[in-house]
């Protein structure tokens, strides 16, 4: 009798717990939610209000300001490209790529490393020009002493002088572009517009870089020809000559201090 009563009691207790547990859990969830809501209410998240108003210009000054702002944003977008083309970076990067190909190297050194070397060499050589632009153009404009148009003229002058000095009196490409534009031939550099001087300078740099690359290729081509002739005379026609000549070219390049001579030659070609 007692055993039967205990079994019935355990069954009722289990049923009671089964029915009460969802209610307790729901109350806990509600209390937890209330707690989190109260915490969120205690620490509200501050979201800034952003308001952008687009209005029509009321006079010509506002129109000019909008156009000037658009031009500035456009110039800032293409500024890295302009800096690479209007400096000696173009010559350095092409010559370094030529020496990599002449040594028959595929992955070493990476192109990123070569571009980094060209960039810091350009920064080293162009530092006086950049300093002149900062002192004569940017700093007076930041201090409010000159306007934007005057700052542009002051910044343009050192770059024009640098590009003209690199051409070293060879104004063939300037005459080419002046002729295509149907303009009179200039008497001096001041008669050459900037939009004519820039493409002429780029073509001149490409020509100089390719000439330097040709001079760099000649000794390594001789090594390739000698190795290929030796392999053919030994009957090893299936063996690639580049695979055998590359160690000899690397040895020659390292023994003559190729990197030092190359950097010094590039430096002397600009100054």
C-alpha atoms as a PDB file:
ATOM      1  CA  UNK A   1       0.000   0.000   0.000  1.00  0.00           C
ATOM      2  CA  UNK A   2       2.757   2.390   0.899  1.00  0.00           C
ATOM      3  CA  UNK A   3       4.670   1.515  -2.294  1.00  0.00           C
ATOM      4  CA  UNK A   4       1.593   2.184  -4.399  1.00  0.00           C
ATOM      5  CA  UNK A   5       0.998   5.523  -2.660  1.00  0.00           C
ATOM      6  CA  UNK A   6       4.622   6.558  -3.200  1.00  0.00           C
ATOM      7  CA  UNK A   7       4.394   5.744  -6.922  1.00  0.00           C
ATOM      8  CA  UNK A   8       1.182   7.785  -7.258  1.00  0.00           C
ATOM      9  CA  UNK A   9       2.841  10.693  -5.416  1.00  0.00           C
ATOM     10  CA  UNK A  10       5.897  10.622  -7.692  1.00  0.00           C
ATOM     11  CA  UNK A  11       3.666  10.589 -10.774  1.00  0.00           C
ATOM     12  CA  UNK A  12       1.671  13.646  -9.572  1.00  0.00           C
ATOM     13  CA  UNK A  13       4.919  15.433  -8.630  1.00  0.00           C
ATOM     14  CA  UNK A  14       6.376  14.830 -12.081  1.00  0.00           C
ATOM     15  CA  UNK A  15       3.204  16.087 -13.742  1.00  0.00           C
ATOM     16  CA  UNK A  16       3.235  19.176 -11.542  1.00  0.00           C
ATOM     17  CA  UNK A  17       6.830  20.006 -12.380  1.00  0.00           C
ATOM     18  CA  UNK A  18       6.200  19.432 -16.067  1.00  0.00           C
ATOM     19  CA  UNK A  19       3.305  21.889 -16.014  1.00  0.00           C
ATOM     20  CA  UNK A  20       5.014  24.539 -13.887  1.00  0.00           C
ATOM     21  CA  UNK A  21       8.427  24.613 -15.623  1.00  0.00           C
ATOM     22  CA  UNK A  22       7.239  26.394 -18.835  1.00  0.00           C
ATOM     23  CA  UNK A  23       5.591  29.114 -16.760  1.00  0.00           C
ATOM     24  CA  UNK A  24       8.756  29.674 -14.741  1.00  0.00           C
ATOM     25  CA  UNK A  25      10.937  29.748 -17.841  1.00  0.00           C
ATOM     26  CA  UNK A  26       8.572  32.200 -19.504  1.00  0.00           C
ATOM     27  CA  UNK A  27       8.688  34.472 -16.478  1.00  0.00           C
ATOM     28  CA  UNK A  28      12.482  34.298 -16.532  1.00  0.00           C
ATOM     29  CA  UNK A  29      12.576  35.155 -20.211  1.00  0.00           C
ATOM     30  CA  UNK A  30      10.271  38.105 -19.639  1.00  0.00           C
ATOM     31  CA  UNK A  31      12.302  39.282 -16.699  1.00  0.00           C
ATOM     32  CA  UNK A  32      15.489  38.897 -18.782  1.00  0.00           C
ATOM     33  CA  UNK A  33      13.940  40.816 -21.617  1.00  0.00           C
ATOM     34  CA  UNK A  34      12.746  43.484 -19.247  1.00  0.00           C
ATOM     35  CA  UNK A  35      16.237  43.679 -17.814  1.00  0.00           C
ATOM     36  CA  UNK A  36      17.860  44.059 -21.201  1.00  0.00           C
ATOM     37  CA  UNK A  37      15.305  46.630 -22.209  1.00  0.00           C
ATOM     38  CA  UNK A  38      15.937  48.536 -19.035  1.00  0.00           C
ATOM     39  CA  UNK A  39      19.663  48.333 -19.663  1.00  0.00           C
ATOM     40  CA  UNK A  40      19.214  49.607 -23.187  1.00  0.00           C
ATOM     41  CA  UNK A  41      17.058  52.384 -21.918  1.00  0.00           C
ATOM     42  CA  UNK A  42      19.704  53.219 -19.312  1.00  0.00           C
ATOM     43  CA  UNK A  43      22.428  53.367 -22.018  1.00  0.00           C
ATOM     44  CA  UNK A  44      20.911  54.645 -25.241  1.00  0.00           C
ATOM     45  CA  UNK A  45      23.010  54.445 -28.404  1.00  0.00           C
ATOM     46  CA  UNK A  46      23.783  57.880 -29.798  1.00  0.00           C
ATOM     47  CA  UNK A  47      23.470  57.934 -33.587  1.00  0.00           C
ATOM     48  CA  UNK A  48      24.470  61.199 -35.261  1.00  0.00           C
ATOM     49  CA  UNK A  49      22.057  62.883 -37.564  1.00  0.00           C
ATOM     50  CA  UNK A  50      23.506  63.421 -41.046  1.00  0.00           C
ATOM     51  CA  UNK A  51      21.847  66.015 -43.193  1.00  0.00           C
ATOM     52  CA  UNK A  52      22.910  66.816 -46.769  1.00  0.00           C
ATOM     53  CA  UNK A  53      21.250  69.661 -48.549  1.00  0.00           C
ATOM     54  CA  UNK A  54      21.524  70.133 -52.307  1.00  0.00           C
ATOM     55  CA  UNK A  55      20.415  73.551 -53.445  1.00  0.00           C
ATOM     56  CA  UNK A  56      20.556  75.427 -56.695  1.00  0.00           C
ATOM     57  CA  UNK A  57      23.258  78.094 -57.021  1.00  0.00           C
ATOM     58  CA  UNK A  58      21.968  81.595 -56.526  1.00  0.00           C
ATOM     59  CA  UNK A  59      24.715  83.497 -58.342  1.00  0.00           C
ATOM     60  CA  UNK A  60      27.808  83.065 -60.468  1.00  0.00           C
ATOM     61  CA  UNK A  61      30.161  82.831 -57.503  1.00  0.00           C
ATOM     62  CA  UNK A  62      28.434  79.705 -56.203  1.00  0.00           C
ATOM     63  CA  UNK A  63      28.572  78.139 -59.660  1.00  0.00           C
ATOM     64  CA  UNK A  64      32.285  78.899 -59.917  1.00  0.00           C
ATOM     65  CA  UNK A  65      32.876  77.430 -56.472  1.00  0.00           C
ATOM     66  CA  UNK A  66      31.068  74.195 -57.408  1.00  0.00           C
ATOM     67  CA  UNK A  67      33.057  73.869 -60.626  1.00  0.00           C
ATOM     68  CA  UNK A  68      36.298  74.579 -58.751  1.00  0.00           C
ATOM     69  CA  UNK A  69      35.467  71.907 -56.184  1.00  0.00           C
ATOM     70  CA  UNK A  70      34.753  69.404 -58.948  1.00  0.00           C
ATOM     71  CA  UNK A  71      38.082  70.185 -60.624  1.00  0.00           C
ATOM     72  CA  UNK A  72      39.958  69.786 -57.326  1.00  0.00           C
ATOM     73  CA  UNK A  73      38.354  66.386 -56.692  1.00  0.00           C
ATOM     74  CA  UNK A  74      39.221  65.285 -60.235  1.00  0.00           C
ATOM     75  CA  UNK A  75      42.836  66.381 -59.837  1.00  0.00           C
ATOM     76  CA  UNK A  76      43.105  64.559 -56.506  1.00  0.00           C
ATOM     77  CA  UNK A  77      41.802  61.400 -58.173  1.00  0.00           C
ATOM     78  CA  UNK A  78      44.414  61.417 -60.923  1.00  0.00           C
ATOM     79  CA  UNK A  79      47.181  62.917 -58.763  1.00  0.00           C
ATOM     80  CA  UNK A  80      49.072  59.595 -58.253  1.00  0.00           C
ATOM     81  CA  UNK A  81      49.143  58.998 -62.006  1.00  0.00           C
ATOM     82  CA  UNK A  82      50.336  62.526 -62.651  1.00  0.00           C
ATOM     83  CA  UNK A  83      53.118  62.192 -60.085  1.00  0.00           C
ATOM     84  CA  UNK A  84      54.295  58.952 -61.705  1.00  0.00           C
ATOM     85  CA  UNK A  85      54.288  60.412 -65.210  1.00  0.00           C
ATOM     86  CA  UNK A  86      55.671  63.878 -64.468  1.00  0.00           C
ATOM     87  CA  UNK A  87      58.688  62.607 -62.520  1.00  0.00           C
ATOM     88  CA  UNK A  88      61.562  60.241 -63.243  1.00  0.00           C
ATOM     89  CA  UNK A  89      59.592  57.261 -61.899  1.00  0.00           C
ATOM     90  CA  UNK A  90      58.657  56.242 -65.446  1.00  0.00           C
ATOM     91  CA  UNK A  91      62.292  55.894 -66.499  1.00  0.00           C
ATOM     92  CA  UNK A  92      63.346  54.055 -63.341  1.00  0.00           C
ATOM     93  CA  UNK A  93      60.503  51.542 -63.380  1.00  0.00           C
ATOM     94  CA  UNK A  94      61.021  50.629 -67.039  1.00  0.00           C
ATOM     95  CA  UNK A  95      64.803  50.219 -66.668  1.00  0.00           C
ATOM     96  CA  UNK A  96      64.432  48.037 -63.564  1.00  0.00           C
ATOM     97  CA  UNK A  97      61.949  45.841 -65.409  1.00  0.00           C
ATOM     98  CA  UNK A  98      64.400  45.577 -68.315  1.00  0.00           C
ATOM     99  CA  UNK A  99      67.212  44.387 -66.054  1.00  0.00           C
ATOM    100  CA  UNK A 100      64.905  41.767 -64.560  1.00  0.00           C
ATOM    101  CA  UNK A 101      64.055  40.437 -68.005  1.00  0.00           C
ATOM    102  CA  UNK A 102      67.672  40.584 -69.157  1.00  0.00           C
ATOM    103  CA  UNK A 103      68.699  38.381 -66.218  1.00  0.00           C
ATOM    104  CA  UNK A 104      65.944  35.904 -67.201  1.00  0.00           C
ATOM    105  CA  UNK A 105      64.345  36.267 -63.778  1.00  0.00           C
ATOM    106  CA  UNK A 106      60.630  35.561 -63.500  1.00  0.00           C
ATOM    107  CA  UNK A 107      59.592  36.041 -59.867  1.00  0.00           C
ATOM    108  CA  UNK A 108      62.672  37.461 -58.117  1.00  0.00           C
ATOM    109  CA  UNK A 109      62.717  40.316 -57.313  1.00  0.00           C
ATOM    110  CA  UNK A 110      58.940  40.888 -57.382  1.00  0.00           C
ATOM    111  CA  UNK A 111      57.557  43.737 -59.420  1.00  0.00           C
ATOM    112  CA  UNK A 112      56.301  45.396 -56.240  1.00  0.00           C
ATOM    113  CA  UNK A 113      59.857  45.558 -54.883  1.00  0.00           C
ATOM    114  CA  UNK A 114      61.160  47.065 -58.116  1.00  0.00           C
ATOM    115  CA  UNK A 115      58.406  49.679 -58.120  1.00  0.00           C
ATOM    116  CA  UNK A 116      59.232  50.466 -54.488  1.00  0.00           C
ATOM    117  CA  UNK A 117      62.894  50.999 -55.385  1.00  0.00           C
ATOM    118  CA  UNK A 118      61.871  53.242 -58.283  1.00  0.00           C
ATOM    119  CA  UNK A 119      59.507  55.186 -56.033  1.00  0.00           C
ATOM    120  CA  UNK A 120      62.075  55.953 -53.318  1.00  0.00           C
ATOM    121  CA  UNK A 121      64.718  56.817 -55.901  1.00  0.00           C
ATOM    122  CA  UNK A 122      62.215  59.199 -57.472  1.00  0.00           C
ATOM    123  CA  UNK A 123      61.462  60.715 -54.076  1.00  0.00           C
ATOM    124  CA  UNK A 124      65.193  61.175 -53.450  1.00  0.00           C
ATOM    125  CA  UNK A 125      65.804  62.916 -56.769  1.00  0.00           C
ATOM    126  CA  UNK A 126      62.587  64.946 -56.859  1.00  0.00           C
ATOM    127  CA  UNK A 127      62.838  66.169 -53.265  1.00  0.00           C
ATOM    128  CA  UNK A 128      64.233  69.640 -54.186  1.00  0.00           C
ATOM    129  CA  UNK A 129      61.406  70.082 -56.702  1.00  0.00           C
ATOM    130  CA  UNK A 130      58.751  68.983 -54.215  1.00  0.00           C
ATOM    131  CA  UNK A 131      60.249  71.256 -51.568  1.00  0.00           C
ATOM    132  CA  UNK A 132      60.103  74.191 -53.966  1.00  0.00           C
ATOM    133  CA  UNK A 133      56.435  73.455 -54.702  1.00  0.00           C
ATOM    134  CA  UNK A 134      55.663  73.296 -50.990  1.00  0.00           C
ATOM    135  CA  UNK A 135      57.481  76.517 -50.120  1.00  0.00           C
ATOM    136  CA  UNK A 136      56.266  78.584 -53.079  1.00  0.00           C
ATOM    137  CA  UNK A 137      52.783  77.199 -53.717  1.00  0.00           C
ATOM    138  CA  UNK A 138      51.188  75.133 -50.965  1.00  0.00           C
ATOM    139  CA  UNK A 139      52.397  77.008 -47.896  1.00  0.00           C
ATOM    140  CA  UNK A 140      51.419  80.512 -49.141  1.00  0.00           C
ATOM    141  CA  UNK A 141      48.016  79.160 -50.224  1.00  0.00           C
ATOM    142  CA  UNK A 142      47.495  77.508 -46.812  1.00  0.00           C
ATOM    143  CA  UNK A 143      48.403  80.777 -45.110  1.00  0.00           C
ATOM    144  CA  UNK A 144      45.918  82.657 -47.286  1.00  0.00           C
ATOM    145  CA  UNK A 145      48.538  84.782 -49.011  1.00  0.00           C
ATOM    146  CA  UNK A 146      47.786  83.640 -52.568  1.00  0.00           C
ATOM    147  CA  UNK A 147      44.770  82.271 -54.391  1.00  0.00           C
ATOM    148  CA  UNK A 148      44.343  78.836 -55.945  1.00  0.00           C
ATOM    149  CA  UNK A 149      45.184  80.036 -59.457  1.00  0.00           C
ATOM    150  CA  UNK A 150      48.442  81.626 -58.276  1.00  0.00           C
ATOM    151  CA  UNK A 151      49.310  78.479 -56.300  1.00  0.00           C
ATOM    152  CA  UNK A 152      48.805  76.410 -59.450  1.00  0.00           C
ATOM    153  CA  UNK A 153      51.172  78.637 -61.407  1.00  0.00           C
ATOM    154  CA  UNK A 154      53.793  78.475 -58.664  1.00  0.00           C
ATOM    155  CA  UNK A 155      53.504  74.676 -58.462  1.00  0.00           C
ATOM    156  CA  UNK A 156      53.623  74.282 -62.212  1.00  0.00           C
ATOM    157  CA  UNK A 157      56.854  76.184 -62.716  1.00  0.00           C
ATOM    158  CA  UNK A 158      59.309  73.786 -60.943  1.00  0.00           C
ATOM    159  CA  UNK A 159      57.835  70.771 -62.752  1.00  0.00           C
ATOM    160  CA  UNK A 160      58.131  72.511 -66.102  1.00  0.00           C
ATOM    161  CA  UNK A 161      61.756  73.341 -65.411  1.00  0.00           C
ATOM    162  CA  UNK A 162      62.479  69.745 -64.380  1.00  0.00           C
ATOM    163  CA  UNK A 163      60.860  68.291 -67.514  1.00  0.00           C
ATOM    164  CA  UNK A 164      62.676  70.770 -69.765  1.00  0.00           C
ATOM    165  CA  UNK A 165      66.026  69.949 -68.146  1.00  0.00           C
ATOM    166  CA  UNK A 166      65.498  66.245 -68.749  1.00  0.00           C
ATOM    167  CA  UNK A 167      64.940  66.838 -72.444  1.00  0.00           C
ATOM    168  CA  UNK A 168      68.346  68.532 -72.562  1.00  0.00           C
ATOM    169  CA  UNK A 169      67.604  70.615 -75.626  1.00  0.00           C
ATOM    170  CA  UNK A 170      66.028  67.727 -77.545  1.00  0.00           C
ATOM    171  CA  UNK A 171      62.700  69.320 -78.384  1.00  0.00           C
ATOM    172  CA  UNK A 172      61.773  66.874 -81.136  1.00  0.00           C
ATOM    173  CA  UNK A 173      58.637  65.677 -79.389  1.00  0.00           C
ATOM    174  CA  UNK A 174      57.630  69.220 -78.464  1.00  0.00           C
ATOM    175  CA  UNK A 175      57.789  70.170 -82.122  1.00  0.00           C
ATOM    176  CA  UNK A 176      55.826  67.019 -82.955  1.00  0.00           C
ATOM    177  CA  UNK A 177      52.952  67.900 -80.639  1.00  0.00           C
ATOM    178  CA  UNK A 178      53.043  71.577 -81.579  1.00  0.00           C
ATOM    179  CA  UNK A 179      52.735  70.553 -85.213  1.00  0.00           C
ATOM    180  CA  UNK A 180      49.825  68.201 -84.505  1.00  0.00           C
ATOM    181  CA  UNK A 181      48.091  71.015 -82.606  1.00  0.00           C
ATOM    182  CA  UNK A 182      48.759  73.355 -85.567  1.00  0.00           C
ATOM    183  CA  UNK A 183      50.538  75.838 -83.338  1.00  0.00           C
ATOM    184  CA  UNK A 184      53.498  78.034 -84.180  1.00  0.00           C
ATOM    185  CA  UNK A 185      56.888  76.633 -83.276  1.00  0.00           C
ATOM    186  CA  UNK A 186      58.042  78.047 -79.923  1.00  0.00           C
ATOM    187  CA  UNK A 187      61.027  80.303 -79.486  1.00  0.00           C
ATOM    188  CA  UNK A 188      61.714  79.182 -75.924  1.00  0.00           C
ATOM    189  CA  UNK A 189      60.195  77.051 -73.170  1.00  0.00           C
ATOM    190  CA  UNK A 190      57.811  79.766 -72.016  1.00  0.00           C
ATOM    191  CA  UNK A 191      55.978  79.527 -75.366  1.00  0.00           C
ATOM    192  CA  UNK A 192      55.224  75.817 -74.833  1.00  0.00           C
ATOM    193  CA  UNK A 193      51.889  75.113 -73.111  1.00  0.00           C
ATOM    194  CA  UNK A 194      51.907  72.628 -70.266  1.00  0.00           C
ATOM    195  CA  UNK A 195      49.470  70.305 -72.030  1.00  0.00           C
ATOM    196  CA  UNK A 196      52.058  70.039 -74.842  1.00  0.00           C
ATOM    197  CA  UNK A 197      55.101  69.740 -72.590  1.00  0.00           C
ATOM    198  CA  UNK A 198      53.709  66.810 -70.563  1.00  0.00           C
ATOM    199  CA  UNK A 199      53.129  64.303 -73.429  1.00  0.00           C
ATOM    200  CA  UNK A 200      56.418  65.352 -75.031  1.00  0.00           C
ATOM    201  CA  UNK A 201      58.216  64.642 -71.752  1.00  0.00           C
ATOM    202  CA  UNK A 202      56.508  61.239 -71.396  1.00  0.00           C
ATOM    203  CA  UNK A 203      57.583  60.159 -74.894  1.00  0.00           C
ATOM    204  CA  UNK A 204      61.091  61.392 -74.205  1.00  0.00           C
ATOM    205  CA  UNK A 205      61.279  59.362 -70.980  1.00  0.00           C
ATOM    206  CA  UNK A 206      60.029  56.252 -72.753  1.00  0.00           C
ATOM    207  CA  UNK A 207      62.689  56.667 -75.441  1.00  0.00           C
ATOM    208  CA  UNK A 208      65.504  57.153 -72.912  1.00  0.00           C
ATOM    209  CA  UNK A 209      64.328  54.175 -70.832  1.00  0.00           C
ATOM    210  CA  UNK A 210      64.274  51.905 -73.876  1.00  0.00           C
ATOM    211  CA  UNK A 211      67.768  53.022 -74.935  1.00  0.00           C
ATOM    212  CA  UNK A 212      69.099  52.202 -71.477  1.00  0.00           C
ATOM    213  CA  UNK A 213      67.311  48.852 -71.611  1.00  0.00           C
ATOM    214  CA  UNK A 214      68.962  48.032 -74.936  1.00  0.00           C
ATOM    215  CA  UNK A 215      72.416  48.784 -73.522  1.00  0.00           C
ATOM    216  CA  UNK A 216      71.654  46.555 -70.537  1.00  0.00           C
ATOM    217  CA  UNK A 217      70.509  43.690 -72.746  1.00  0.00           C
ATOM    218  CA  UNK A 218      73.643  43.530 -74.914  1.00  0.00           C
ATOM    219  CA  UNK A 219      76.087  41.802 -72.488  1.00  0.00           C
ATOM    220  CA  UNK A 220      73.465  39.319 -71.328  1.00  0.00           C
ATOM    221  CA  UNK A 221      72.479  38.494 -74.913  1.00  0.00           C
ATOM    222  CA  UNK A 222      76.149  37.706 -75.632  1.00  0.00           C
ATOM    223  CA  UNK A 223      76.182  35.279 -72.690  1.00  0.00           C
ATOM    224  CA  UNK A 224      72.997  33.614 -73.980  1.00  0.00           C
ATOM    225  CA  UNK A 225      74.497  33.254 -77.482  1.00  0.00           C
ATOM    226  CA  UNK A 226      77.732  31.742 -76.149  1.00  0.00           C
ATOM    227  CA  UNK A 227      75.891  29.244 -73.964  1.00  0.00           C
ATOM    228  CA  UNK A 228      73.513  28.312 -76.798  1.00  0.00           C
ATOM    229  CA  UNK A 229      76.454  27.758 -79.180  1.00  0.00           C
ATOM    230  CA  UNK A 230      78.231  25.518 -76.647  1.00  0.00           C
ATOM    231  CA  UNK A 231      75.100  23.460 -76.037  1.00  0.00           C
ATOM    232  CA  UNK A 232      74.495  23.004 -79.770  1.00  0.00           C
ATOM    233  CA  UNK A 233      78.100  21.948 -80.338  1.00  0.00           C
ATOM    234  CA  UNK A 234      77.728  19.358 -77.557  1.00  0.00           C
ATOM    235  CA  UNK A 235      74.486  18.051 -79.051  1.00  0.00           C
ATOM    236  CA  UNK A 236      72.327  19.170 -76.137  1.00  0.00           C
ATOM    237  CA  UNK A 237      69.607  20.715 -78.237  1.00  0.00           C
ATOM    238  CA  UNK A 238      66.780  19.752 -75.897  1.00  0.00           C
ATOM    239  CA  UNK A 239      68.293  21.597 -72.924  1.00  0.00           C
ATOM    240  CA  UNK A 240      67.015  25.216 -72.661  1.00  0.00           C
ATOM    241  CA  UNK A 241      69.968  27.632 -72.967  1.00  0.00           C
ATOM    242  CA  UNK A 242      68.355  30.084 -70.534  1.00  0.00           C
ATOM    243  CA  UNK A 243      68.447  27.498 -67.771  1.00  0.00           C
ATOM    244  CA  UNK A 244      72.234  27.240 -68.107  1.00  0.00           C
ATOM    245  CA  UNK A 245      73.022  30.898 -68.858  1.00  0.00           C
ATOM    246  CA  UNK A 246      71.012  32.377 -65.982  1.00  0.00           C
ATOM    247  CA  UNK A 247      73.524  31.398 -63.228  1.00  0.00           C
ATOM    248  CA  UNK A 248      76.380  32.864 -65.283  1.00  0.00           C
ATOM    249  CA  UNK A 249      74.467  36.105 -65.829  1.00  0.00           C
ATOM    250  CA  UNK A 250      73.703  36.350 -62.122  1.00  0.00           C
ATOM    251  CA  UNK A 251      77.357  35.743 -61.246  1.00  0.00           C
ATOM    252  CA  UNK A 252      78.480  38.457 -63.676  1.00  0.00           C
ATOM    253  CA  UNK A 253      75.859  40.896 -62.371  1.00  0.00           C
ATOM    254  CA  UNK A 254      76.835  40.349 -58.740  1.00  0.00           C
ATOM    255  CA  UNK A 255      80.611  40.398 -59.340  1.00  0.00           C
ATOM    256  CA  UNK A 256      80.505  43.773 -61.101  1.00  0.00           C
ATOM    257  CA  UNK A 257      78.155  45.198 -58.414  1.00  0.00           C
ATOM    258  CA  UNK A 258      75.321  45.485 -60.905  1.00  0.00           C
ATOM    259  CA  UNK A 259      72.775  47.077 -58.590  1.00  0.00           C
ATOM    260  CA  UNK A 260      75.173  49.803 -57.507  1.00  0.00           C
ATOM    261  CA  UNK A 261      76.243  50.572 -61.072  1.00  0.00           C
ATOM    262  CA  UNK A 262      72.651  50.558 -62.287  1.00  0.00           C
ATOM    263  CA  UNK A 263      71.386  52.922 -59.588  1.00  0.00           C
ATOM    264  CA  UNK A 264      74.341  55.258 -60.053  1.00  0.00           C
ATOM    265  CA  UNK A 265      73.857  55.295 -63.814  1.00  0.00           C
ATOM    266  CA  UNK A 266      70.165  56.082 -63.445  1.00  0.00           C
ATOM    267  CA  UNK A 267      70.983  58.830 -60.980  1.00  0.00           C
ATOM    268  CA  UNK A 268      73.550  60.353 -63.359  1.00  0.00           C
ATOM    269  CA  UNK A 269      71.131  60.114 -66.286  1.00  0.00           C
ATOM    270  CA  UNK A 270      68.644  62.344 -64.488  1.00  0.00           C
ATOM    271  CA  UNK A 271      70.956  64.929 -62.912  1.00  0.00           C
END
